[in-house]
Amino acid sequence: MRVAVVYSVVDVPMTGDPADLAAERDVLRSVEGIAEALPKLGHTVVKVPFSRTLYADLRRIRPDMLFNLCDSFEGPSTLEATVPAIAEMLDLPYTGSGMLAVSLCLDKARTKAILSAVGIPNARFQLFSKPDGPLDRDLRFPLIVKPNNEDASLGIRRGCVVTDEKALRKRLEETIRIRGQPAIVEEFIDGREFDIALLGNDDPQALPISETVFRNFAPGEFRVCDYEAKWIEGDRHYDDLPSEFPAKLPEKVAERMRSLARAAHRLTGCSGYTRVEMRLRGEEPFVIEVNPNPDISPGGQLFRLAASVGIGERELMKKVLDFGLERHRQKRWRLEGEMRQG
């Protein structure tokens, strides 16, 4: 197949936060890794930047499939769902989750409301469009403040966990002003943190559970994988957050987490590959976020987890492509069935 690898362009961010470039540059490593991996399966690769001419570019290139590595457009993440939408318009198979799933999961408050509606445990929350909005007095400090429409820890900066209303209002003002979007405030689950990676569409396979190990945190310091710790080399916690897998958990807890992750994947309409973040309070898991199309750079977490159960680089790439082709075929079958019935 001729595969168009479509990726976000790294440029000066439009969010007012220059530190975003550290995360955006990581996309380029994924692009080069995928562009090297796909030819090993016999595919031809065309690298295509996500620009305002993407629809016309793809019509001109006429690929057989699109490999989606886009998580932002000109800085903000709010147009991330444009790429699968364009692929749908062109009737072009593509990897990862569809337009609706990407849009939904990018809205943290809406995702949490849907999870809560069916009983999937997650932290209580409130959405703020302005920093002086009334505070839900049922929320209990400490609280964590995040941009509502970002991923990759963008906007989750040092000091994002607050212990009183004065600090909350200050953090809300900074987050809303700098990110240019509403902020979500959640009760902070101060427990162990885990990633559950899933492969598949309707019945995904859960890979070994990975735990983020918080090392060298001072007494009383909130354990958070914030933007600095995740992306800024030289930060005091940059090398202090290793991942361990498989995580050491009682089997009944691990199975509960896998079950919740699969349910969240299906409920949000994700497909292909997904990462569900959780925290444990005692032995009770809470879903923190659902991430469609997480980092898939060769050598990254997803590759390491897959390799630990015998899924090598080529097989993983083939699976990701096959999941996209399978979803495309199913969509066509549904449309043909509806046309026959109509």
C-alpha atoms as a PDB file:
ATOM      1  CA  MET A   1       0.000   0.000   0.000  1.00  0.00           C
ATOM      2  CA  ARG A   2       0.924   3.622  -0.406  1.00  0.00           C
ATOM      3  CA  VAL A   3       0.623   5.073   3.100  1.00  0.00           C
ATOM      4  CA  ALA A   4       0.426   8.804   3.775  1.00  0.00           C
ATOM      5  CA  VAL A   5       1.981   9.544   7.179  1.00  0.00           C
ATOM      6  CA  VAL A   6       0.223  12.761   8.206  1.00  0.00           C
ATOM      7  CA  TYR A   7       1.821  14.683  11.068  1.00  0.00           C
ATOM      8  CA  SER A   8       1.529  17.914  13.020  1.00  0.00           C
ATOM      9  CA  VAL A   9       3.902  20.675  11.981  1.00  0.00           C
ATOM     10  CA  VAL A  10       6.195  21.936  14.744  1.00  0.00           C
ATOM     11  CA  ASP A  11       6.101  25.712  14.760  1.00  0.00           C
ATOM     12  CA  VAL A  12       5.847  28.564  17.225  1.00  0.00           C
ATOM     13  CA  PRO A  13       2.867  27.586  19.397  1.00  0.00           C
ATOM     14  CA  MET A  14      -0.203  29.792  19.353  1.00  0.00           C
ATOM     15  CA  THR A  15      -1.128  29.058  22.970  1.00  0.00           C
ATOM     16  CA  GLY A  16       1.090  31.667  24.570  1.00  0.00           C
ATOM     17  CA  ASP A  17       3.190  28.946  26.194  1.00  0.00           C
ATOM     18  CA  PRO A  18       6.508  28.445  24.337  1.00  0.00           C
ATOM     19  CA  ALA A  19       7.290  25.338  26.402  1.00  0.00           C
ATOM     20  CA  ASP A  20       4.721  23.479  24.275  1.00  0.00           C
ATOM     21  CA  LEU A  21       7.385  23.058  21.605  1.00  0.00           C
ATOM     22  CA  ALA A  22       9.121  20.344  23.634  1.00  0.00           C
ATOM     23  CA  ALA A  23       6.081  18.072  23.269  1.00  0.00           C
ATOM     24  CA  GLU A  24       5.448  19.038  19.663  1.00  0.00           C
ATOM     25  CA  ARG A  25       9.002  18.158  18.627  1.00  0.00           C
ATOM     26  CA  ASP A  26       8.432  14.667  19.985  1.00  0.00           C
ATOM     27  CA  VAL A  27       5.945  14.152  17.144  1.00  0.00           C
ATOM     28  CA  LEU A  28       8.798  14.413  14.639  1.00  0.00           C
ATOM     29  CA  ARG A  29      10.546  11.448  16.251  1.00  0.00           C
ATOM     30  CA  SER A  30       7.363   9.413  15.753  1.00  0.00           C
ATOM     31  CA  VAL A  31       7.167  10.494  12.106  1.00  0.00           C
ATOM     32  CA  GLU A  32      10.704   9.349  11.331  1.00  0.00           C
ATOM     33  CA  GLY A  33      10.248   6.091  13.253  1.00  0.00           C
ATOM     34  CA  ILE A  34       7.002   5.187  11.488  1.00  0.00           C
ATOM     35  CA  ALA A  35       8.408   6.228   8.099  1.00  0.00           C
ATOM     36  CA  GLU A  36      11.265   3.764   8.662  1.00  0.00           C
ATOM     37  CA  ALA A  37       9.066   0.968  10.042  1.00  0.00           C
ATOM     38  CA  LEU A  38       6.362   0.803   7.352  1.00  0.00           C
ATOM     39  CA  PRO A  39       8.659  -0.015   4.390  1.00  0.00           C
ATOM     40  CA  LYS A  40       9.755  -3.134   6.306  1.00  0.00           C
ATOM     41  CA  LEU A  41       6.179  -4.356   5.739  1.00  0.00           C
ATOM     42  CA  GLY A  42       6.426  -3.641   2.029  1.00  0.00           C
ATOM     43  CA  HIS A  43       4.574  -0.303   2.084  1.00  0.00           C
ATOM     44  CA  THR A  44       5.535   2.927   0.384  1.00  0.00           C
ATOM     45  CA  VAL A  45       5.534   5.990   2.623  1.00  0.00           C
ATOM     46  CA  VAL A  46       4.678   9.578   1.745  1.00  0.00           C
ATOM     47  CA  LYS A  47       5.147  12.086   4.581  1.00  0.00           C
ATOM     48  CA  VAL A  48       2.444  14.775   4.541  1.00  0.00           C
ATOM     49  CA  PRO A  49       2.396  17.741   6.966  1.00  0.00           C
ATOM     50  CA  PHE A  50      -0.954  18.727   8.455  1.00  0.00           C
ATOM     51  CA  SER A  51      -1.648  22.052   6.793  1.00  0.00           C
ATOM     52  CA  ARG A  52      -4.615  24.037   5.532  1.00  0.00           C
ATOM     53  CA  THR A  53      -4.226  22.301   2.162  1.00  0.00           C
ATOM     54  CA  LEU A  54      -4.354  18.748   3.577  1.00  0.00           C
ATOM     55  CA  TYR A  55      -7.590  17.813   1.787  1.00  0.00           C
ATOM     56  CA  ALA A  56      -6.207  18.918  -1.588  1.00  0.00           C
ATOM     57  CA  ASP A  57      -2.803  17.344  -0.851  1.00  0.00           C
ATOM     58  CA  LEU A  58      -4.353  13.942  -0.142  1.00  0.00           C
ATOM     59  CA  ARG A  59      -6.537  14.121  -3.252  1.00  0.00           C
ATOM     60  CA  ARG A  60      -3.425  14.807  -5.286  1.00  0.00           C
ATOM     61  CA  ILE A  61      -1.273  12.110  -3.633  1.00  0.00           C
ATOM     62  CA  ARG A  62      -4.072   9.486  -3.708  1.00  0.00           C
ATOM     63  CA  PRO A  63      -2.710   7.203  -0.951  1.00  0.00           C
ATOM     64  CA  ASP A  64      -4.273   3.836  -0.113  1.00  0.00           C
ATOM     65  CA  MET A  65      -4.256   4.615   3.615  1.00  0.00           C
ATOM     66  CA  LEU A  66      -3.508   7.405   6.071  1.00  0.00           C
ATOM     67  CA  PHE A  67      -1.331   6.918   9.156  1.00  0.00           C
ATOM     68  CA  ASN A  68      -2.486   9.619  11.562  1.00  0.00           C
ATOM     69  CA  LEU A  69       0.225  11.188  13.745  1.00  0.00           C
ATOM     70  CA  CYS A  70      -1.560  14.517  14.299  1.00  0.00           C
ATOM     71  CA  ASP A  71      -2.275  15.826  17.780  1.00  0.00           C
ATOM     72  CA  SER A  72      -2.486  19.560  17.094  1.00  0.00           C
ATOM     73  CA  PHE A  73      -2.823  22.177  14.374  1.00  0.00           C
ATOM     74  CA  GLU A  74      -0.673  25.317  14.489  1.00  0.00           C
ATOM     75  CA  GLY A  75      -0.271  24.868  18.239  1.00  0.00           C
ATOM     76  CA  PRO A  76      -3.633  24.090  19.879  1.00  0.00           C
ATOM     77  CA  SER A  77      -5.062  20.582  20.036  1.00  0.00           C
ATOM     78  CA  THR A  78      -8.645  21.676  19.348  1.00  0.00           C
ATOM     79  CA  LEU A  79      -8.488  20.812  15.625  1.00  0.00           C
ATOM     80  CA  GLU A  80      -6.942  17.361  16.164  1.00  0.00           C
ATOM     81  CA  ALA A  81     -10.118  15.666  14.898  1.00  0.00           C
ATOM     82  CA  THR A  82      -9.824  17.400  11.519  1.00  0.00           C
ATOM     83  CA  VAL A  83      -7.493  14.730  10.117  1.00  0.00           C
ATOM     84  CA  PRO A  84      -9.836  11.738  10.622  1.00  0.00           C
ATOM     85  CA  ALA A  85     -12.687  13.952   9.384  1.00  0.00           C
ATOM     86  CA  ILE A  86     -10.820  14.661   6.132  1.00  0.00           C
ATOM     87  CA  ALA A  87     -10.003  10.961   5.765  1.00  0.00           C
ATOM     88  CA  GLU A  88     -13.735  10.172   6.140  1.00  0.00           C
ATOM     89  CA  MET A  89     -14.599  12.765   3.484  1.00  0.00           C
ATOM     90  CA  LEU A  90     -12.134  11.090   1.107  1.00  0.00           C
ATOM     91  CA  ASP A  91     -13.365   7.569   2.019  1.00  0.00           C
ATOM     92  CA  LEU A  92      -9.760   6.827   2.986  1.00  0.00           C
ATOM     93  CA  PRO A  93      -8.849   4.182   5.597  1.00  0.00           C
ATOM     94  CA  TYR A  94      -6.808   5.592   8.466  1.00  0.00           C
ATOM     95  CA  THR A  95      -5.160   4.462  11.685  1.00  0.00           C
ATOM     96  CA  GLY A  96      -6.298   5.140  15.219  1.00  0.00           C
ATOM     97  CA  SER A  97      -9.573   6.558  16.471  1.00  0.00           C
ATOM     98  CA  GLY A  98     -12.220   8.342  14.483  1.00  0.00           C
ATOM     99  CA  MET A  99     -13.304  11.954  14.457  1.00  0.00           C
ATOM    100  CA  LEU A 100     -15.979  11.588  17.133  1.00  0.00           C
ATOM    101  CA  ALA A 101     -13.766   9.691  19.596  1.00  0.00           C
ATOM    102  CA  VAL A 102     -10.886  12.133  19.178  1.00  0.00           C
ATOM    103  CA  SER A 103     -13.212  15.116  19.674  1.00  0.00           C
ATOM    104  CA  LEU A 104     -14.868  13.567  22.718  1.00  0.00           C
ATOM    105  CA  CYS A 105     -11.676  12.548  24.520  1.00  0.00           C
ATOM    106  CA  LEU A 106     -10.178  15.981  23.905  1.00  0.00           C
ATOM    107  CA  ASP A 107     -13.023  17.376  26.035  1.00  0.00           C
ATOM    108  CA  LYS A 108     -12.086  16.121  29.503  1.00  0.00           C
ATOM    109  CA  ALA A 109     -15.272  17.308  31.218  1.00  0.00           C
ATOM    110  CA  ARG A 110     -17.602  15.753  28.646  1.00  0.00           C
ATOM    111  CA  THR A 111     -15.661  12.473  28.742  1.00  0.00           C
ATOM    112  CA  LYS A 112     -15.857  12.347  32.540  1.00  0.00           C
ATOM    113  CA  ALA A 113     -19.583  13.077  32.467  1.00  0.00           C
ATOM    114  CA  ILE A 114     -20.158  10.154  30.095  1.00  0.00           C
ATOM    115  CA  LEU A 115     -17.991   7.818  32.170  1.00  0.00           C
ATOM    116  CA  SER A 116     -19.840   8.860  35.325  1.00  0.00           C
ATOM    117  CA  ALA A 117     -23.225   8.278  33.699  1.00  0.00           C
ATOM    118  CA  VAL A 118     -22.509   4.546  33.358  1.00  0.00           C
ATOM    119  CA  GLY A 119     -20.738   4.136  36.687  1.00  0.00           C
ATOM    120  CA  ILE A 120     -17.088   4.175  35.608  1.00  0.00           C
ATOM    121  CA  PRO A 121     -15.300   5.704  38.624  1.00  0.00           C
ATOM    122  CA  ASN A 122     -13.457   8.972  38.134  1.00  0.00           C
ATOM    123  CA  ALA A 123     -12.671  11.982  40.316  1.00  0.00           C
ATOM    124  CA  ARG A 124     -15.419  14.515  40.995  1.00  0.00           C
ATOM    125  CA  PHE A 125     -14.914  17.655  38.918  1.00  0.00           C
ATOM    126  CA  GLN A 126     -16.115  21.081  37.877  1.00  0.00           C
ATOM    127  CA  LEU A 127     -15.582  23.011  34.643  1.00  0.00           C
ATOM    128  CA  PHE A 128     -14.647  26.713  34.801  1.00  0.00           C
ATOM    129  CA  SER A 129     -14.916  29.083  31.844  1.00  0.00           C
ATOM    130  CA  LYS A 130     -13.820  32.030  34.008  1.00  0.00           C
ATOM    131  CA  PRO A 131     -11.632  32.046  37.110  1.00  0.00           C
ATOM    132  CA  ASP A 132     -14.176  33.725  39.396  1.00  0.00           C
ATOM    133  CA  GLY A 133     -17.010  31.289  38.678  1.00  0.00           C
ATOM    134  CA  PRO A 134     -18.833  29.835  41.717  1.00  0.00           C
ATOM    135  CA  LEU A 135     -17.070  26.865  43.310  1.00  0.00           C
ATOM    136  CA  ASP A 136     -18.956  23.628  43.929  1.00  0.00           C
ATOM    137  CA  ARG A 137     -18.679  23.327  47.706  1.00  0.00           C
ATOM    138  CA  ASP A 138     -18.983  19.545  47.492  1.00  0.00           C
ATOM    139  CA  LEU A 139     -15.494  19.390  45.954  1.00  0.00           C
ATOM    140  CA  ARG A 140     -12.802  18.545  48.472  1.00  0.00           C
ATOM    141  CA  PHE A 141      -9.240  19.922  48.443  1.00  0.00           C
ATOM    142  CA  PRO A 142      -6.614  19.158  47.271  1.00  0.00           C
ATOM    143  CA  LEU A 143      -7.772  19.896  43.724  1.00  0.00           C
ATOM    144  CA  ILE A 144      -5.869  19.643  40.450  1.00  0.00           C
ATOM    145  CA  VAL A 145      -6.324  22.258  37.705  1.00  0.00           C
ATOM    146  CA  LYS A 146      -5.920  21.305  34.030  1.00  0.00           C
ATOM    147  CA  PRO A 147      -6.816  22.804  30.642  1.00  0.00           C
ATOM    148  CA  ASN A 148     -10.004  21.084  29.510  1.00  0.00           C
ATOM    149  CA  ASN A 149      -8.976  20.558  25.890  1.00  0.00           C
ATOM    150  CA  GLU A 150      -5.345  19.410  25.834  1.00  0.00           C
ATOM    151  CA  ASP A 151      -3.324  16.210  26.029  1.00  0.00           C
ATOM    152  CA  ALA A 152       0.350  15.216  26.501  1.00  0.00           C
ATOM    153  CA  SER A 153       0.343  17.068  29.872  1.00  0.00           C
ATOM    154  CA  LEU A 154       0.108  20.426  28.070  1.00  0.00           C
ATOM    155  CA  GLY A 155      -0.850  23.087  30.574  1.00  0.00           C
ATOM    156  CA  ILE A 156      -0.360  20.801  33.583  1.00  0.00           C
ATOM    157  CA  ARG A 157       2.452  22.770  35.134  1.00  0.00           C
ATOM    158  CA  ARG A 158       4.260  22.699  38.461  1.00  0.00           C
ATOM    159  CA  GLY A 159       1.869  23.816  41.194  1.00  0.00           C
ATOM    160  CA  CYS A 160      -1.262  22.568  39.423  1.00  0.00           C
ATOM    161  CA  VAL A 161      -2.448  20.863  42.636  1.00  0.00           C
ATOM    162  CA  VAL A 162      -3.872  23.422  45.068  1.00  0.00           C
ATOM    163  CA  THR A 163      -4.955  23.162  48.672  1.00  0.00           C
ATOM    164  CA  ASP A 164      -7.106  26.274  49.197  1.00  0.00           C
ATOM    165  CA  GLU A 165      -9.448  28.540  47.258  1.00  0.00           C
ATOM    166  CA  LYS A 166      -6.999  31.436  46.920  1.00  0.00           C
ATOM    167  CA  ALA A 167      -4.458  29.206  45.176  1.00  0.00           C
ATOM    168  CA  LEU A 168      -7.253  27.682  43.091  1.00  0.00           C
ATOM    169  CA  ARG A 169      -8.388  31.062  41.767  1.00  0.00           C
ATOM    170  CA  LYS A 170      -4.809  32.056  40.884  1.00  0.00           C
ATOM    171  CA  ARG A 171      -4.196  28.784  39.027  1.00  0.00           C
ATOM    172  CA  LEU A 172      -7.539  29.071  37.208  1.00  0.00           C
ATOM    173  CA  GLU A 173      -6.694  32.585  36.021  1.00  0.00           C
ATOM    174  CA  GLU A 174      -3.296  31.470  34.696  1.00  0.00           C
ATOM    175  CA  THR A 175      -4.607  28.325  33.005  1.00  0.00           C
ATOM    176  CA  ILE A 176      -7.585  29.981  31.302  1.00  0.00           C
ATOM    177  CA  ARG A 177      -5.541  33.008  30.186  1.00  0.00           C
ATOM    178  CA  ILE A 178      -2.481  31.143  28.887  1.00  0.00           C
ATOM    179  CA  ARG A 179      -4.300  28.194  27.313  1.00  0.00           C
ATOM    180  CA  GLY A 180      -7.234  30.237  25.983  1.00  0.00           C
ATOM    181  CA  GLN A 181      -9.807  27.616  26.990  1.00  0.00           C
ATOM    182  CA  PRO A 182     -11.867  26.460  29.992  1.00  0.00           C
ATOM    183  CA  ALA A 183     -10.139  24.747  32.894  1.00  0.00           C
ATOM    184  CA  ILE A 184     -11.278  21.550  34.582  1.00  0.00           C
ATOM    185  CA  VAL A 185     -10.868  21.183  38.334  1.00  0.00           C
ATOM    186  CA  GLU A 186     -10.803  17.660  39.785  1.00  0.00           C
ATOM    187  CA  GLU A 187     -10.408  16.196  43.229  1.00  0.00           C
ATOM    188  CA  PHE A 188      -6.817  15.010  43.332  1.00  0.00           C
ATOM    189  CA  ILE A 189      -6.444  11.237  43.688  1.00  0.00           C
ATOM    190  CA  ASP A 190      -3.187  10.943  45.630  1.00  0.00           C
ATOM    191  CA  GLY A 191      -2.297   7.346  44.808  1.00  0.00           C
ATOM    192  CA  ARG A 192      -0.331   5.093  42.481  1.00  0.00           C
ATOM    193  CA  GLU A 193      -0.605   5.981  38.768  1.00  0.00           C
ATOM    194  CA  PHE A 194      -0.974   3.500  35.899  1.00  0.00           C
ATOM    195  CA  ASP A 195      -1.330   3.316  32.119  1.00  0.00           C
ATOM    196  CA  ILE A 196      -3.405   0.596  30.467  1.00  0.00           C
ATOM    197  CA  ALA A 197      -2.607   0.375  26.744  1.00  0.00           C
ATOM    198  CA  LEU A 198      -5.174  -1.269  24.480  1.00  0.00           C
ATOM    199  CA  LEU A 199      -4.916  -2.652  20.950  1.00  0.00           C
ATOM    200  CA  GLY A 200      -8.005  -3.252  18.854  1.00  0.00           C
ATOM    201  CA  ASN A 201     -11.396  -1.905  17.884  1.00  0.00           C
ATOM    202  CA  ASP A 202     -14.552  -3.285  19.519  1.00  0.00           C
ATOM    203  CA  ASP A 203     -12.849  -5.962  21.657  1.00  0.00           C
ATOM    204  CA  PRO A 204      -9.387  -4.551  22.428  1.00  0.00           C
ATOM    205  CA  GLN A 205      -6.467  -6.484  23.894  1.00  0.00           C
ATOM    206  CA  ALA A 206      -5.036  -5.027  27.094  1.00  0.00           C
ATOM    207  CA  LEU A 207      -1.237  -4.957  27.189  1.00  0.00           C
ATOM    208  CA  PRO A 208       0.620  -5.340  30.512  1.00  0.00           C
ATOM    209  CA  ILE A 209      -0.284  -2.573  32.954  1.00  0.00           C
ATOM    210  CA  SER A 210       2.456   0.023  33.342  1.00  0.00           C
ATOM    211  CA  GLU A 211       3.025   1.994  36.556  1.00  0.00           C
ATOM    212  CA  THR A 212       4.596   5.438  36.744  1.00  0.00           C
ATOM    213  CA  VAL A 213       6.960   5.266  39.723  1.00  0.00           C
ATOM    214  CA  PHE A 214       7.293   8.556  41.579  1.00  0.00           C
ATOM    215  CA  ARG A 215      10.845   8.729  42.940  1.00  0.00           C
ATOM    216  CA  ASN A 216      12.633  11.432  44.900  1.00  0.00           C
ATOM    217  CA  PHE A 217       9.541  13.484  45.690  1.00  0.00           C
ATOM    218  CA  ALA A 218       9.854  15.517  48.883  1.00  0.00           C
ATOM    219  CA  PRO A 219       7.532  14.804  51.822  1.00  0.00           C
ATOM    220  CA  GLY A 220       4.252  16.604  51.193  1.00  0.00           C
ATOM    221  CA  GLU A 221       5.026  17.159  47.480  1.00  0.00           C
ATOM    222  CA  PHE A 222       2.132  16.093  45.279  1.00  0.00           C
ATOM    223  CA  ARG A 223       3.051  13.233  42.977  1.00  0.00           C
ATOM    224  CA  VAL A 224       2.156  14.493  39.499  1.00  0.00           C
ATOM    225  CA  CYS A 225       3.667  13.791  36.095  1.00  0.00           C
ATOM    226  CA  ASP A 226       3.445  17.438  35.075  1.00  0.00           C
ATOM    227  CA  TYR A 227       4.702  19.038  31.865  1.00  0.00           C
ATOM    228  CA  GLU A 228       8.134  19.867  33.294  1.00  0.00           C
ATOM    229  CA  ALA A 229       8.738  16.314  34.514  1.00  0.00           C
ATOM    230  CA  LYS A 230       7.545  14.804  31.244  1.00  0.00           C
ATOM    231  CA  TRP A 231       9.218  17.032  28.668  1.00  0.00           C
ATOM    232  CA  ILE A 232      11.870  19.375  30.089  1.00  0.00           C
ATOM    233  CA  GLU A 233      15.328  17.793  30.228  1.00  0.00           C
ATOM    234  CA  GLY A 234      17.139  18.985  33.311  1.00  0.00           C
ATOM    235  CA  ASP A 235      13.966  19.364  35.340  1.00  0.00           C
ATOM    236  CA  ARG A 236      14.469  17.911  38.823  1.00  0.00           C
ATOM    237  CA  HIS A 237      11.878  15.190  38.191  1.00  0.00           C
ATOM    238  CA  TYR A 238      12.675  14.498  34.504  1.00  0.00           C
ATOM    239  CA  ASP A 239      14.562  11.298  35.339  1.00  0.00           C
ATOM    240  CA  ASP A 240      12.490  10.459  38.416  1.00  0.00           C
ATOM    241  CA  LEU A 241       9.407   8.978  36.741  1.00  0.00           C
ATOM    242  CA  PRO A 242      10.370   5.587  35.303  1.00  0.00           C
ATOM    243  CA  SER A 243       7.715   3.130  34.132  1.00  0.00           C
ATOM    244  CA  GLU A 244       7.540  -0.393  35.525  1.00  0.00           C
ATOM    245  CA  PHE A 245       5.667  -3.198  33.800  1.00  0.00           C
ATOM    246  CA  PRO A 246       3.999  -5.415  34.476  1.00  0.00           C
ATOM    247  CA  ALA A 247       2.874  -3.414  37.487  1.00  0.00           C
ATOM    248  CA  LYS A 248       2.863  -5.231  40.812  1.00  0.00           C
ATOM    249  CA  LEU A 249      -0.861  -5.492  41.584  1.00  0.00           C
ATOM    250  CA  PRO A 250      -3.242  -8.034  43.097  1.00  0.00           C
ATOM    251  CA  GLU A 251      -4.807  -9.902  40.165  1.00  0.00           C
ATOM    252  CA  LYS A 252      -8.349  -8.891  41.120  1.00  0.00           C
ATOM    253  CA  VAL A 253      -7.303  -5.219  41.048  1.00  0.00           C
ATOM    254  CA  ALA A 254      -5.452  -5.624  37.743  1.00  0.00           C
ATOM    255  CA  GLU A 255      -8.457  -7.340  36.158  1.00  0.00           C
ATOM    256  CA  ARG A 256     -10.764  -4.591  37.420  1.00  0.00           C
ATOM    257  CA  MET A 257      -8.476  -1.983  35.841  1.00  0.00           C
ATOM    258  CA  ARG A 258      -8.342  -3.852  32.523  1.00  0.00           C
ATOM    259  CA  SER A 259     -12.135  -4.163  32.523  1.00  0.00           C
ATOM    260  CA  LEU A 260     -12.611  -0.450  33.210  1.00  0.00           C
ATOM    261  CA  ALA A 261     -10.083   0.460  30.504  1.00  0.00           C
ATOM    262  CA  ARG A 262     -11.881  -1.664  27.899  1.00  0.00           C
ATOM    263  CA  ALA A 263     -15.218  -0.169  28.922  1.00  0.00           C
ATOM    264  CA  ALA A 264     -13.862   3.384  28.640  1.00  0.00           C
ATOM    265  CA  HIS A 265     -12.351   2.562  25.210  1.00  0.00           C
ATOM    266  CA  ARG A 266     -15.671   1.233  23.903  1.00  0.00           C
ATOM    267  CA  LEU A 267     -17.822   3.917  25.532  1.00  0.00           C
ATOM    268  CA  THR A 268     -15.817   6.762  23.990  1.00  0.00           C
ATOM    269  CA  GLY A 269     -15.748   5.057  20.578  1.00  0.00           C
ATOM    270  CA  CYS A 270     -11.973   4.628  20.451  1.00  0.00           C
ATOM    271  CA  SER A 271     -10.357   2.231  18.010  1.00  0.00           C
ATOM    272  CA  GLY A 272      -6.940   1.001  16.931  1.00  0.00           C
ATOM    273  CA  TYR A 273      -4.825   1.833  19.949  1.00  0.00           C
ATOM    274  CA  THR A 274      -5.674   3.671  23.161  1.00  0.00           C
ATOM    275  CA  ARG A 275      -4.091   4.497  26.511  1.00  0.00           C
ATOM    276  CA  VAL A 276      -6.272   4.810  29.613  1.00  0.00           C
ATOM    277  CA  GLU A 277      -4.705   6.529  32.623  1.00  0.00           C
ATOM    278  CA  MET A 278      -5.795   5.471  36.117  1.00  0.00           C
ATOM    279  CA  ARG A 279      -4.953   6.069  39.736  1.00  0.00           C
ATOM    280  CA  LEU A 280      -5.536   3.822  42.723  1.00  0.00           C
ATOM    281  CA  ARG A 281      -6.957   4.997  46.016  1.00  0.00           C
ATOM    282  CA  GLY A 282      -6.205   1.977  48.147  1.00  0.00           C
ATOM    283  CA  GLU A 283      -7.371  -0.791  45.819  1.00  0.00           C
ATOM    284  CA  GLU A 284     -10.081   1.316  44.143  1.00  0.00           C
ATOM    285  CA  PRO A 285      -9.194   2.413  40.567  1.00  0.00           C
ATOM    286  CA  PHE A 286     -10.253   5.773  39.125  1.00  0.00           C
ATOM    287  CA  VAL A 287     -10.079   6.607  35.401  1.00  0.00           C
ATOM    288  CA  ILE A 288      -8.121   9.838  34.969  1.00  0.00           C
ATOM    289  CA  GLU A 289      -8.068  10.218  31.169  1.00  0.00           C
ATOM    290  CA  VAL A 290      -8.797   8.319  27.965  1.00  0.00           C
ATOM    291  CA  ASN A 291      -6.174   8.977  25.265  1.00  0.00           C
ATOM    292  CA  PRO A 292      -6.941   7.935  21.682  1.00  0.00           C
ATOM    293  CA  ASN A 293      -3.921   7.749  19.367  1.00  0.00           C
ATOM    294  CA  PRO A 294      -1.248   7.908  22.109  1.00  0.00           C
ATOM    295  CA  ASP A 295       2.470   8.050  21.342  1.00  0.00           C
ATOM    296  CA  ILE A 296       3.361   5.267  18.909  1.00  0.00           C
ATOM    297  CA  SER A 297       6.978   6.123  18.222  1.00  0.00           C
ATOM    298  CA  PRO A 298       9.202   3.038  17.804  1.00  0.00           C
ATOM    299  CA  GLY A 299      10.950   2.419  21.104  1.00  0.00           C
ATOM    300  CA  GLY A 300       8.214   4.242  23.017  1.00  0.00           C
ATOM    301  CA  GLN A 301       5.968   2.872  25.736  1.00  0.00           C
ATOM    302  CA  LEU A 302       3.460   1.187  23.418  1.00  0.00           C
ATOM    303  CA  PHE A 303       6.214  -0.647  21.542  1.00  0.00           C
ATOM    304  CA  ARG A 304       7.871  -1.770  24.777  1.00  0.00           C
ATOM    305  CA  LEU A 305       4.616  -3.047  26.242  1.00  0.00           C
ATOM    306  CA  ALA A 306       3.750  -4.906  23.028  1.00  0.00           C
ATOM    307  CA  ALA A 307       7.239  -6.418  22.840  1.00  0.00           C
ATOM    308  CA  SER A 308       6.867  -7.743  26.391  1.00  0.00           C
ATOM    309  CA  VAL A 309       4.054 -10.038  25.191  1.00  0.00           C
ATOM    310  CA  GLY A 310       5.798 -11.074  21.975  1.00  0.00           C
ATOM    311  CA  ILE A 311       4.414  -8.457  19.586  1.00  0.00           C
ATOM    312  CA  GLY A 312       7.403  -7.101  17.655  1.00  0.00           C
ATOM    313  CA  GLU A 313       7.699  -3.852  15.715  1.00  0.00           C
ATOM    314  CA  ARG A 314       6.508  -5.270  12.397  1.00  0.00           C
ATOM    315  CA  GLU A 315       3.560  -7.112  13.931  1.00  0.00           C
ATOM    316  CA  LEU A 316       2.497  -4.038  15.894  1.00  0.00           C
ATOM    317  CA  MET A 317       2.619  -1.849  12.799  1.00  0.00           C
ATOM    318  CA  LYS A 318       0.635  -4.455  10.864  1.00  0.00           C
ATOM    319  CA  LYS A 319      -1.972  -4.642  13.622  1.00  0.00           C
ATOM    320  CA  VAL A 320      -2.413  -0.860  13.718  1.00  0.00           C
ATOM    321  CA  LEU A 321      -2.887  -0.748   9.945  1.00  0.00           C
ATOM    322  CA  ASP A 322      -5.243  -3.749  10.005  1.00  0.00           C
ATOM    323  CA  PHE A 323      -7.420  -2.200  12.727  1.00  0.00           C
ATOM    324  CA  GLY A 324      -7.883   0.867  10.535  1.00  0.00           C
ATOM    325  CA  LEU A 325      -8.708  -1.233   7.482  1.00  0.00           C
ATOM    326  CA  GLU A 326     -11.164  -3.331   9.517  1.00  0.00           C
ATOM    327  CA  ARG A 327     -13.020  -0.254  10.772  1.00  0.00           C
ATOM    328  CA  HIS A 328     -13.191   1.105   7.220  1.00  0.00           C
ATOM    329  CA  ARG A 329     -14.659  -2.159   5.907  1.00  0.00           C
ATOM    330  CA  GLN A 330     -17.220  -2.291   8.703  1.00  0.00           C
ATOM    331  CA  LYS A 331     -18.295   1.269   7.960  1.00  0.00           C
ATOM    332  CA  ARG A 332     -18.815   0.377   4.303  1.00  0.00           C
ATOM    333  CA  TRP A 333     -20.801  -2.746   5.206  1.00  0.00           C
ATOM    334  CA  ARG A 334     -23.067  -0.692   7.468  1.00  0.00           C
ATOM    335  CA  LEU A 335     -23.643   1.906   4.767  1.00  0.00           C
ATOM    336  CA  GLU A 336     -24.386  -0.760   2.161  1.00  0.00           C
ATOM    337  CA  GLY A 337     -26.808  -2.459   4.557  1.00  0.00           C
ATOM    338  CA  GLU A 338     -28.599   0.814   5.240  1.00  0.00           C
ATOM    339  CA  MET A 339     -28.866   1.514   1.505  1.00  0.00           C
ATOM    340  CA  ARG A 340     -30.365  -1.941   0.846  1.00  0.00           C
ATOM    341  CA  GLN A 341     -32.874  -1.490   3.650  1.00  0.00           C
ATOM    342  CA  GLY A 342     -33.739   1.985   2.432  1.00  0.00           C
END
